[in-house]
């Protein structure tokens, strides 16, 4: 059993996320309190992550979002209320390229950001007829 530092309730360890930095290996806040904290601090946490990972602030993110009219630069899927678009960047130079939905960001990553691989995948889809009618109009 462990006591949450926020709600002060004593709960089983299963109610806490694991956290290696803690002496007992579990977070000091229960999952429920962490959910509330993250919801309240979503913008400030995102701001710190943007700065440390990509060297941009929330103003730059908002500017990119506005330039892209609030949608993914690849598939035009809009940013949702609970999921921001991912910052796409060059893994070699660190330069920010734009904002992508999670699926497009993962797809580029799995294709190793290689234009050759992307072109090859496109050729494969066209040759094999594996595309939706809306995709090639």
N, C-alpha and C. Protein backbone atom coordinates (compact mmCIF):
# COMPACT_ATOMS: atom_id res chain seq x y z
N UNK A 1 0.84 -1.19 0.00
CA UNK A 1 0.00 0.00 0.00
C UNK A 1 0.88 1.24 0.00
N UNK A 2 0.37 2.30 -0.64
CA UNK A 2 1.12 3.53 -0.76
C UNK A 2 0.16 4.71 -0.64
N UNK A 3 0.66 5.79 -0.05
CA UNK A 3 -0.16 6.98 0.14
C UNK A 3 0.15 8.00 -0.97
N UNK A 4 -0.88 8.49 -1.64
CA UNK A 4 -0.73 9.51 -2.68
C UNK A 4 -0.43 10.85 -2.03
N UNK A 5 0.57 11.55 -2.54
CA UNK A 5 0.94 12.86 -1.99
C UNK A 5 -0.10 13.94 -2.26
N UNK A 6 -0.97 13.72 -3.24
CA UNK A 6 -1.96 14.73 -3.60
C UNK A 6 -3.29 14.51 -2.89
N UNK A 7 -3.92 13.36 -3.09
CA UNK A 7 -5.25 13.11 -2.49
C UNK A 7 -5.15 12.53 -1.09
N UNK A 8 -3.96 12.11 -0.70
CA UNK A 8 -3.68 11.57 0.64
C UNK A 8 -4.35 10.23 0.93
N UNK A 9 -4.90 9.59 -0.09
CA UNK A 9 -5.52 8.27 0.11
C UNK A 9 -4.45 7.19 0.05
N UNK A 10 -4.58 6.20 0.89
CA UNK A 10 -3.69 5.04 0.85
C UNK A 10 -4.33 4.01 -0.07
N UNK A 11 -3.57 3.61 -1.10
CA UNK A 11 -4.10 2.74 -2.13
C UNK A 11 -3.09 1.64 -2.44
N UNK A 12 -3.54 0.58 -3.10
CA UNK A 12 -2.59 -0.46 -3.50
C UNK A 12 -1.62 0.07 -4.56
N UNK A 13 -0.45 -0.54 -4.64
CA UNK A 13 0.56 -0.11 -5.61
C UNK A 13 0.03 -0.13 -7.04
N UNK A 14 -0.96 -0.96 -7.32
CA UNK A 14 -1.54 -1.04 -8.66
C UNK A 14 -2.20 0.27 -9.07
N UNK A 15 -2.51 1.15 -8.13
CA UNK A 15 -3.14 2.44 -8.43
C UNK A 15 -2.11 3.51 -8.80
N UNK A 16 -0.83 3.15 -8.81
CA UNK A 16 0.24 4.09 -9.11
C UNK A 16 1.02 3.62 -10.34
N UNK A 17 1.49 4.57 -11.14
CA UNK A 17 2.37 4.22 -12.26
C UNK A 17 3.76 3.95 -11.73
N UNK A 18 4.50 3.11 -12.44
CA UNK A 18 5.88 2.86 -12.04
C UNK A 18 6.73 4.07 -12.36
N UNK A 19 7.73 4.31 -11.52
CA UNK A 19 8.65 5.43 -11.72
C UNK A 19 9.98 5.07 -11.07
N UNK A 20 10.96 4.80 -11.88
CA UNK A 20 12.25 4.31 -11.41
C UNK A 20 12.95 5.28 -10.46
N UNK A 21 12.69 6.58 -10.59
CA UNK A 21 13.37 7.58 -9.76
C UNK A 21 12.93 7.53 -8.29
N UNK A 22 11.78 6.96 -8.02
CA UNK A 22 11.29 6.88 -6.64
C UNK A 22 11.91 5.69 -5.93
N UNK A 23 12.11 5.82 -4.64
CA UNK A 23 12.77 4.76 -3.87
C UNK A 23 12.01 3.44 -3.92
N UNK A 24 10.68 3.52 -3.94
CA UNK A 24 9.89 2.27 -3.99
C UNK A 24 9.54 1.87 -5.42
N UNK A 25 9.94 2.68 -6.39
CA UNK A 25 9.70 2.36 -7.80
C UNK A 25 8.35 2.77 -8.33
N UNK A 26 7.57 3.53 -7.54
CA UNK A 26 6.24 3.96 -7.97
C UNK A 26 6.10 5.47 -7.82
N UNK A 27 5.30 6.07 -8.69
CA UNK A 27 5.09 7.51 -8.68
C UNK A 27 4.51 7.96 -7.33
N UNK A 28 4.74 9.22 -6.99
CA UNK A 28 4.26 9.75 -5.72
C UNK A 28 2.81 10.20 -5.78
N UNK A 29 2.24 10.28 -7.01
CA UNK A 29 0.83 10.59 -7.20
C UNK A 29 0.14 9.37 -7.78
N UNK A 30 -1.09 9.12 -7.34
CA UNK A 30 -1.84 7.99 -7.90
C UNK A 30 -2.22 8.32 -9.35
N UNK A 31 -2.62 7.32 -10.10
CA UNK A 31 -2.96 7.51 -11.51
C UNK A 31 -4.06 8.55 -11.69
N UNK A 32 -5.06 8.49 -10.81
CA UNK A 32 -6.18 9.43 -10.91
C UNK A 32 -5.70 10.86 -10.73
N UNK A 33 -4.86 11.12 -9.75
CA UNK A 33 -4.33 12.47 -9.51
C UNK A 33 -3.41 12.91 -10.65
N UNK A 34 -2.64 11.98 -11.21
CA UNK A 34 -1.78 12.30 -12.35
C UNK A 34 -2.61 12.70 -13.56
N UNK A 35 -3.74 12.00 -13.78
CA UNK A 35 -4.63 12.34 -14.89
C UNK A 35 -5.15 13.78 -14.75
N UNK A 36 -5.59 14.11 -13.55
CA UNK A 36 -6.10 15.47 -13.28
C UNK A 36 -4.99 16.49 -13.48
N UNK A 37 -3.80 16.21 -12.96
CA UNK A 37 -2.66 17.12 -13.09
C UNK A 37 -2.31 17.36 -14.56
N UNK A 38 -2.23 16.29 -15.33
CA UNK A 38 -1.86 16.42 -16.75
C UNK A 38 -2.92 17.21 -17.53
N UNK A 39 -4.19 16.99 -17.21
CA UNK A 39 -5.26 17.71 -17.88
C UNK A 39 -5.13 19.22 -17.59
N UNK A 40 -4.88 19.56 -16.34
CA UNK A 40 -4.76 20.97 -15.94
C UNK A 40 -3.51 21.63 -16.51
N UNK A 41 -2.44 20.86 -16.64
CA UNK A 41 -1.15 21.43 -17.04
C UNK A 41 -0.73 21.04 -18.45
N UNK A 42 -1.69 20.69 -19.28
CA UNK A 42 -1.38 20.21 -20.63
C UNK A 42 -0.52 21.20 -21.41
N UNK A 43 -0.90 22.48 -21.39
CA UNK A 43 -0.17 23.47 -22.18
C UNK A 43 1.25 23.71 -21.66
N UNK A 44 1.41 23.80 -20.34
CA UNK A 44 2.76 24.07 -19.82
C UNK A 44 3.68 22.87 -20.02
N UNK A 45 3.16 21.65 -19.89
CA UNK A 45 3.97 20.46 -20.14
C UNK A 45 4.37 20.38 -21.61
N UNK A 46 3.42 20.69 -22.49
CA UNK A 46 3.70 20.67 -23.93
C UNK A 46 4.75 21.71 -24.28
N UNK A 47 4.65 22.87 -23.65
CA UNK A 47 5.59 23.96 -23.92
C UNK A 47 7.02 23.54 -23.57
N UNK A 48 7.19 22.90 -22.43
CA UNK A 48 8.51 22.43 -22.01
C UNK A 48 9.05 21.36 -22.95
N UNK A 49 8.18 20.46 -23.39
CA UNK A 49 8.59 19.40 -24.30
C UNK A 49 8.99 19.98 -25.66
N UNK A 50 8.23 20.94 -26.15
CA UNK A 50 8.56 21.58 -27.43
C UNK A 50 9.94 22.24 -27.37
N UNK A 51 10.18 22.94 -26.27
CA UNK A 51 11.45 23.65 -26.11
C UNK A 51 12.62 22.68 -26.01
N UNK A 52 12.47 21.65 -25.19
CA UNK A 52 13.60 20.74 -24.96
C UNK A 52 13.84 19.80 -26.14
N UNK A 53 12.78 19.33 -26.80
CA UNK A 53 12.95 18.37 -27.90
C UNK A 53 13.24 19.03 -29.24
N UNK A 54 12.57 20.16 -29.52
CA UNK A 54 12.64 20.73 -30.87
C UNK A 54 13.16 22.15 -30.93
N UNK A 55 13.38 22.78 -29.78
CA UNK A 55 13.91 24.13 -29.75
C UNK A 55 12.90 25.19 -30.18
N UNK A 56 11.60 24.89 -30.06
CA UNK A 56 10.58 25.87 -30.40
C UNK A 56 9.68 26.09 -29.19
N UNK A 57 8.94 27.19 -29.21
CA UNK A 57 7.99 27.46 -28.13
C UNK A 57 6.57 27.28 -28.64
N UNK A 58 5.60 27.48 -27.76
CA UNK A 58 4.20 27.29 -28.13
C UNK A 58 3.77 28.28 -29.21
N UNK A 59 4.37 29.47 -29.22
CA UNK A 59 4.03 30.46 -30.24
C UNK A 59 4.43 29.96 -31.63
N UNK A 60 5.60 29.35 -31.74
CA UNK A 60 6.05 28.80 -33.03
C UNK A 60 5.17 27.63 -33.45
N UNK A 61 4.79 26.77 -32.49
CA UNK A 61 3.89 25.65 -32.77
C UNK A 61 2.57 26.20 -33.31
N UNK A 62 2.04 27.20 -32.65
CA UNK A 62 0.76 27.81 -33.06
C UNK A 62 0.88 28.44 -34.44
N UNK A 63 2.03 29.06 -34.73
CA UNK A 63 2.28 29.66 -36.05
C UNK A 63 2.28 28.57 -37.13
N UNK A 64 2.97 27.45 -36.86
CA UNK A 64 2.98 26.33 -37.81
C UNK A 64 1.58 25.79 -38.02
N UNK A 65 0.84 25.65 -36.93
CA UNK A 65 -0.53 25.14 -37.00
C UNK A 65 -1.40 26.05 -37.86
N UNK A 66 -1.22 27.35 -37.69
CA UNK A 66 -1.99 28.33 -38.48
C UNK A 66 -1.60 28.25 -39.95
N UNK A 67 -0.30 28.14 -40.25
CA UNK A 67 0.17 28.02 -41.63
C UNK A 67 -0.41 26.79 -42.32
N UNK A 68 -0.59 25.72 -41.54
CA UNK A 68 -1.13 24.46 -42.07
C UNK A 68 -2.65 24.40 -41.94
N UNK A 69 -3.27 25.49 -41.55
CA UNK A 69 -4.72 25.59 -41.37
C UNK A 69 -5.26 24.54 -40.40
N UNK A 70 -4.45 24.20 -39.39
CA UNK A 70 -4.88 23.31 -38.32
C UNK A 70 -4.94 21.83 -38.68
N UNK A 71 -4.30 21.46 -39.79
CA UNK A 71 -4.37 20.06 -40.23
C UNK A 71 -2.97 19.48 -40.46
N UNK A 72 -2.90 18.16 -40.51
CA UNK A 72 -1.66 17.45 -40.80
C UNK A 72 -1.15 17.85 -42.18
N UNK A 73 0.15 18.09 -42.30
CA UNK A 73 0.75 18.51 -43.56
C UNK A 73 0.72 17.42 -44.62
N UNK A 74 0.50 16.16 -44.24
CA UNK A 74 0.47 15.06 -45.21
C UNK A 74 -0.95 14.67 -45.58
N UNK A 75 -1.78 14.35 -44.60
CA UNK A 75 -3.11 13.79 -44.89
C UNK A 75 -4.26 14.77 -44.66
N UNK A 76 -3.97 15.95 -44.15
CA UNK A 76 -4.96 17.00 -43.89
C UNK A 76 -5.95 16.64 -42.78
N UNK A 77 -5.60 15.68 -41.91
CA UNK A 77 -6.43 15.36 -40.75
C UNK A 77 -6.27 16.48 -39.73
N UNK A 78 -7.38 16.99 -39.17
CA UNK A 78 -7.26 18.11 -38.23
C UNK A 78 -6.75 17.67 -36.86
N UNK A 79 -6.16 18.64 -36.16
CA UNK A 79 -5.77 18.42 -34.78
C UNK A 79 -7.05 18.24 -33.97
N UNK A 80 -7.06 17.28 -33.06
CA UNK A 80 -8.27 17.07 -32.25
C UNK A 80 -8.12 17.76 -30.90
N UNK A 81 -9.21 17.83 -30.18
CA UNK A 81 -9.19 18.53 -28.89
C UNK A 81 -8.34 17.81 -27.86
N UNK A 82 -8.14 16.50 -28.02
CA UNK A 82 -7.35 15.76 -27.02
C UNK A 82 -6.01 15.26 -27.56
N UNK A 83 -5.70 15.54 -28.81
CA UNK A 83 -4.43 15.06 -29.38
C UNK A 83 -3.86 16.11 -30.33
N UNK A 84 -2.73 16.69 -29.92
CA UNK A 84 -2.07 17.67 -30.76
C UNK A 84 -1.36 16.99 -31.93
N UNK A 85 -1.11 17.75 -32.98
CA UNK A 85 -0.31 17.25 -34.08
C UNK A 85 1.14 17.12 -33.61
N UNK A 86 1.84 16.13 -34.13
CA UNK A 86 3.23 15.90 -33.76
C UNK A 86 4.15 16.84 -34.52
N UNK A 87 5.24 17.24 -33.89
CA UNK A 87 6.23 18.08 -34.55
C UNK A 87 7.14 17.15 -35.36
N UNK A 88 7.13 17.32 -36.68
CA UNK A 88 8.00 16.53 -37.55
C UNK A 88 9.31 17.29 -37.70
N UNK A 89 10.41 16.56 -37.56
CA UNK A 89 11.72 17.21 -37.66
C UNK A 89 12.72 16.29 -38.36
N UNK A 90 13.75 16.91 -38.89
CA UNK A 90 14.85 16.18 -39.52
C UNK A 90 15.70 15.60 -38.40
N UNK A 91 15.86 14.29 -38.39
CA UNK A 91 16.59 13.64 -37.30
C UNK A 91 18.10 13.89 -37.37
N UNK A 92 18.58 14.32 -38.51
CA UNK A 92 20.01 14.62 -38.65
C UNK A 92 20.31 16.04 -38.21
N UNK A 93 19.53 17.02 -38.73
CA UNK A 93 19.82 18.42 -38.43
C UNK A 93 19.02 18.96 -37.26
N UNK A 94 17.89 18.31 -36.95
CA UNK A 94 17.02 18.79 -35.89
C UNK A 94 16.04 19.85 -36.35
N UNK A 95 16.11 20.26 -37.62
CA UNK A 95 15.23 21.30 -38.14
C UNK A 95 13.78 20.83 -38.17
N UNK A 96 12.89 21.70 -37.71
CA UNK A 96 11.46 21.40 -37.72
C UNK A 96 10.93 21.55 -39.13
N UNK A 97 10.19 20.52 -39.61
CA UNK A 97 9.66 20.55 -40.98
C UNK A 97 8.19 20.92 -41.01
N UNK A 98 7.45 20.55 -39.99
CA UNK A 98 6.02 20.83 -39.98
C UNK A 98 5.33 20.02 -38.91
N UNK A 99 3.99 19.96 -38.98
CA UNK A 99 3.19 19.25 -38.01
C UNK A 99 2.44 18.12 -38.71
N UNK A 100 2.47 16.94 -38.11
CA UNK A 100 1.84 15.76 -38.69
C UNK A 100 0.95 15.06 -37.67
N UNK A 101 -0.06 14.36 -38.16
CA UNK A 101 -0.85 13.51 -37.26
C UNK A 101 0.06 12.35 -36.84
N UNK A 102 -0.33 11.64 -35.81
CA UNK A 102 0.49 10.54 -35.30
C UNK A 102 0.77 9.48 -36.33
N UNK A 103 -0.24 9.12 -37.14
CA UNK A 103 -0.07 8.06 -38.14
C UNK A 103 0.94 8.47 -39.21
N UNK A 104 0.83 9.68 -39.72
CA UNK A 104 1.76 10.14 -40.77
C UNK A 104 3.17 10.29 -40.21
N UNK A 105 3.28 10.78 -38.97
CA UNK A 105 4.58 10.93 -38.34
C UNK A 105 5.26 9.57 -38.18
N UNK A 106 4.51 8.57 -37.71
CA UNK A 106 5.06 7.22 -37.55
C UNK A 106 5.43 6.62 -38.91
N UNK A 107 4.57 6.84 -39.91
CA UNK A 107 4.84 6.29 -41.24
C UNK A 107 6.16 6.82 -41.79
N UNK A 108 6.39 8.12 -41.69
CA UNK A 108 7.66 8.68 -42.17
C UNK A 108 8.83 8.11 -41.39
N UNK A 109 8.64 7.97 -40.09
CA UNK A 109 9.71 7.40 -39.26
C UNK A 109 10.02 5.97 -39.64
N UNK A 110 8.98 5.17 -39.88
CA UNK A 110 9.19 3.77 -40.26
C UNK A 110 9.82 3.65 -41.64
N UNK A 111 9.61 4.66 -42.48
CA UNK A 111 10.26 4.69 -43.80
C UNK A 111 11.60 5.42 -43.72
N UNK A 112 12.09 5.64 -42.53
CA UNK A 112 13.40 6.25 -42.25
C UNK A 112 13.55 7.63 -42.89
N UNK A 113 12.43 8.37 -43.01
CA UNK A 113 12.45 9.72 -43.61
C UNK A 113 13.12 9.71 -44.99
N UNK A 114 13.04 8.60 -45.68
CA UNK A 114 13.73 8.44 -46.96
C UNK A 114 12.78 8.70 -48.13
N UNK A 115 13.04 9.74 -48.92
CA UNK A 115 12.23 9.99 -50.12
C UNK A 115 12.22 8.78 -51.06
N UNK A 116 13.31 8.07 -51.13
CA UNK A 116 13.39 6.88 -51.99
C UNK A 116 12.41 5.81 -51.51
N UNK A 117 12.39 5.58 -50.19
CA UNK A 117 11.46 4.58 -49.65
C UNK A 117 10.01 5.01 -49.81
N UNK A 118 9.74 6.31 -49.60
CA UNK A 118 8.38 6.82 -49.76
C UNK A 118 7.94 6.64 -51.21
N UNK A 119 8.81 7.01 -52.16
CA UNK A 119 8.49 6.85 -53.58
C UNK A 119 8.29 5.38 -53.94
N UNK A 120 9.10 4.52 -53.38
CA UNK A 120 8.98 3.09 -53.64
C UNK A 120 7.66 2.55 -53.08
N UNK A 121 7.27 3.00 -51.91
CA UNK A 121 6.00 2.58 -51.32
C UNK A 121 4.83 3.07 -52.18
N UNK A 122 4.91 4.30 -52.66
CA UNK A 122 3.87 4.84 -53.53
C UNK A 122 3.77 4.03 -54.82
N UNK A 123 4.90 3.74 -55.42
CA UNK A 123 4.92 2.94 -56.65
C UNK A 123 4.30 1.57 -56.41
N UNK A 124 4.65 0.95 -55.30
CA UNK A 124 4.08 -0.35 -54.95
C UNK A 124 2.56 -0.27 -54.85
N UNK A 125 2.05 0.73 -54.13
CA UNK A 125 0.61 0.87 -53.98
C UNK A 125 -0.09 1.08 -55.32
N UNK A 126 0.49 1.90 -56.16
CA UNK A 126 -0.10 2.16 -57.48
C UNK A 126 -0.05 0.90 -58.34
N UNK A 127 1.11 0.23 -58.38
CA UNK A 127 1.26 -0.97 -59.20
C UNK A 127 0.32 -2.09 -58.77
N UNK A 128 0.12 -2.21 -57.46
CA UNK A 128 -0.72 -3.30 -56.95
C UNK A 128 -2.19 -2.91 -56.84
N UNK A 129 -2.52 -1.66 -57.13
CA UNK A 129 -3.90 -1.23 -57.07
C UNK A 129 -4.44 -1.09 -55.66
N UNK A 130 -3.54 -0.94 -54.68
CA UNK A 130 -3.96 -0.84 -53.27
C UNK A 130 -4.07 0.63 -52.87
N UNK A 131 -5.08 1.31 -53.36
CA UNK A 131 -5.29 2.68 -52.97
C UNK A 131 -6.77 2.99 -53.03
N UNK A 132 -7.17 3.94 -52.22
CA UNK A 132 -8.57 4.36 -52.23
C UNK A 132 -8.82 5.30 -53.39
N UNK A 133 -10.04 5.39 -53.83
CA UNK A 133 -10.36 6.26 -54.98
C UNK A 133 -10.07 7.71 -54.67
N UNK A 134 -10.17 8.13 -53.41
CA UNK A 134 -9.92 9.52 -53.05
C UNK A 134 -8.43 9.86 -53.04
N UNK A 135 -7.57 8.86 -53.01
CA UNK A 135 -6.14 9.11 -52.84
C UNK A 135 -5.43 9.57 -54.10
N UNK A 136 -5.94 9.26 -55.28
CA UNK A 136 -5.22 9.60 -56.51
C UNK A 136 -6.00 10.54 -57.41
N UNK A 137 -6.84 11.38 -56.84
CA UNK A 137 -7.62 12.30 -57.66
C UNK A 137 -6.89 13.60 -57.85
